[in-house]
C-alpha atoms as a PDB file:
ATOM      1  CA  MET A   1     -17.501  -1.605   1.629  1.00  0.00           C
ATOM      2  CA  LYS A   2     -14.803   1.066   1.553  1.00  0.00           C
ATOM      3  CA  LEU A   3     -11.137   0.063   1.570  1.00  0.00           C
ATOM      4  CA  TYR A   4      -8.124   2.108   2.576  1.00  0.00           C
ATOM      5  CA  GLY A   5      -4.494   1.471   1.706  1.00  0.00           C
ATOM      6  CA  GLY A   6      -1.169   2.384   3.200  1.00  0.00           C
ATOM      7  CA  ILE A   7       2.313   2.108   1.746  1.00  0.00           C
ATOM      8  CA  ASP A   8       5.546   2.100   3.748  1.00  0.00           C
ATOM      9  CA  LEU A   9       8.057   3.153   1.098  1.00  0.00           C
ATOM     10  CA  HIS A  10      11.681   1.999   1.259  1.00  0.00           C
ATOM     11  CA  SER A  11      14.543   2.373  -1.212  1.00  0.00           C
ATOM     12  CA  ASN A  12      14.038  -0.908  -3.077  1.00  0.00           C
ATOM     13  CA  ASN A  13      10.752  -2.279  -1.706  1.00  0.00           C
ATOM     14  CA  SER A  14       7.478  -1.198  -0.158  1.00  0.00           C
ATOM     15  CA  VAL A  15       5.055  -2.750   2.294  1.00  0.00           C
ATOM     16  CA  PHE A  16       1.383  -2.450   1.312  1.00  0.00           C
ATOM     17  CA  SER A  17      -1.539  -2.807   3.668  1.00  0.00           C
ATOM     18  CA  ILE A  18      -5.214  -2.752   2.706  1.00  0.00           C
ATOM     19  CA  LYS A  19      -7.830  -2.307   5.455  1.00  0.00           C
ATOM     20  CA  ASP A  20     -11.608  -2.282   5.385  1.00  0.00           C
ATOM     21  CA  ASP A  21     -13.767   0.440   6.926  1.00  0.00           C
ATOM     22  CA  THR A  22     -13.764  -1.359  10.297  1.00  0.00           C
ATOM     23  CA  GLY A  23      -9.954  -1.391  10.414  1.00  0.00           C
ATOM     24  CA  ASP A  24      -9.489  -5.094   9.684  1.00  0.00           C
ATOM     25  CA  VAL A  25      -6.501  -5.913   7.487  1.00  0.00           C
ATOM     26  CA  ILE A  26      -7.675  -7.404   4.193  1.00  0.00           C
ATOM     27  CA  ALA A  27      -4.230  -7.811   2.625  1.00  0.00           C
ATOM     28  CA  ARG A  28      -0.608  -7.079   3.420  1.00  0.00           C
ATOM     29  CA  ARG A  29       2.334  -7.620   1.128  1.00  0.00           C
ATOM     30  CA  LYS A  30       5.978  -6.618   0.744  1.00  0.00           C
ATOM     31  CA  LEU A  31       6.763  -5.874  -2.901  1.00  0.00           C
ATOM     32  CA  PRO A  32       9.754  -4.627  -4.866  1.00  0.00           C
ATOM     33  CA  ASN A  33       9.364  -1.062  -6.114  1.00  0.00           C
ATOM     34  CA  ASP A  34       8.200  -2.259  -9.513  1.00  0.00           C
ATOM     35  CA  ILE A  35       5.126  -0.494 -10.885  1.00  0.00           C
ATOM     36  CA  LYS A  36       3.813  -3.580 -12.697  1.00  0.00           C
ATOM     37  CA  GLN A  37       3.844  -5.696  -9.533  1.00  0.00           C
ATOM     38  CA  ILE A  38       2.341  -2.877  -7.471  1.00  0.00           C
ATOM     39  CA  LEU A  39      -0.526  -2.299  -9.897  1.00  0.00           C
ATOM     40  CA  LEU A  40      -1.159  -6.039 -10.120  1.00  0.00           C
ATOM     41  CA  PHE A  41      -1.443  -6.224  -6.313  1.00  0.00           C
ATOM     42  CA  LEU A  42      -3.747  -3.177  -6.073  1.00  0.00           C
ATOM     43  CA  ASP A  43      -5.982  -4.107  -9.020  1.00  0.00           C
ATOM     44  CA  PRO A  44      -8.507  -6.335  -7.148  1.00  0.00           C
ATOM     45  CA  PHE A  45      -9.074  -3.579  -4.559  1.00  0.00           C
ATOM     46  CA  LYS A  46      -9.394  -0.712  -7.047  1.00  0.00           C
ATOM     47  CA  PRO A  47     -13.224  -0.495  -7.197  1.00  0.00           C
ATOM     48  CA  GLN A  48     -13.559  -0.071  -3.410  1.00  0.00           C
ATOM     49  CA  LEU A  49     -10.265   1.706  -2.669  1.00  0.00           C
ATOM     50  CA  THR A  50     -11.180   5.064  -1.143  1.00  0.00           C
ATOM     51  CA  GLY A  51      -7.700   6.288  -0.305  1.00  0.00           C
ATOM     52  CA  LEU A  52      -4.061   5.333  -0.498  1.00  0.00           C
ATOM     53  CA  VAL A  53      -1.422   6.999   1.673  1.00  0.00           C
ATOM     54  CA  VAL A  54       2.365   6.775   1.467  1.00  0.00           C
ATOM     55  CA  GLU A  55       4.746   6.976   4.426  1.00  0.00           C
ATOM     56  CA  SER A  56       8.165   8.035   3.263  1.00  0.00           C
ATOM     57  CA  THR A  57      10.900   9.478   5.443  1.00  0.00           C
ATOM     58  CA  PHE A  58      13.781   9.980   3.039  1.00  0.00           C
ATOM     59  CA  ASN A  59      16.186  12.200   4.906  1.00  0.00           C
ATOM     60  CA  TRP A  60      15.811  11.181   8.549  1.00  0.00           C
ATOM     61  CA  TYR A  61      19.235   9.509   8.374  1.00  0.00           C
ATOM     62  CA  CYS A  62      21.097  12.340   6.574  1.00  0.00           C
END
């Protein structure tokens, strides 16, 4: 099974979503922007993770 991930990046936290190839959500979690916690969350999905996208809109409010 292929898995796909999405990250909604914020200034001090990010929301992660992992979906399978049918579009069902496998996992969703809000995490602080701490690389150790992020890698720990993603680790179980790593063998099947086909892609990971990041949504970041930094200067929409400038």
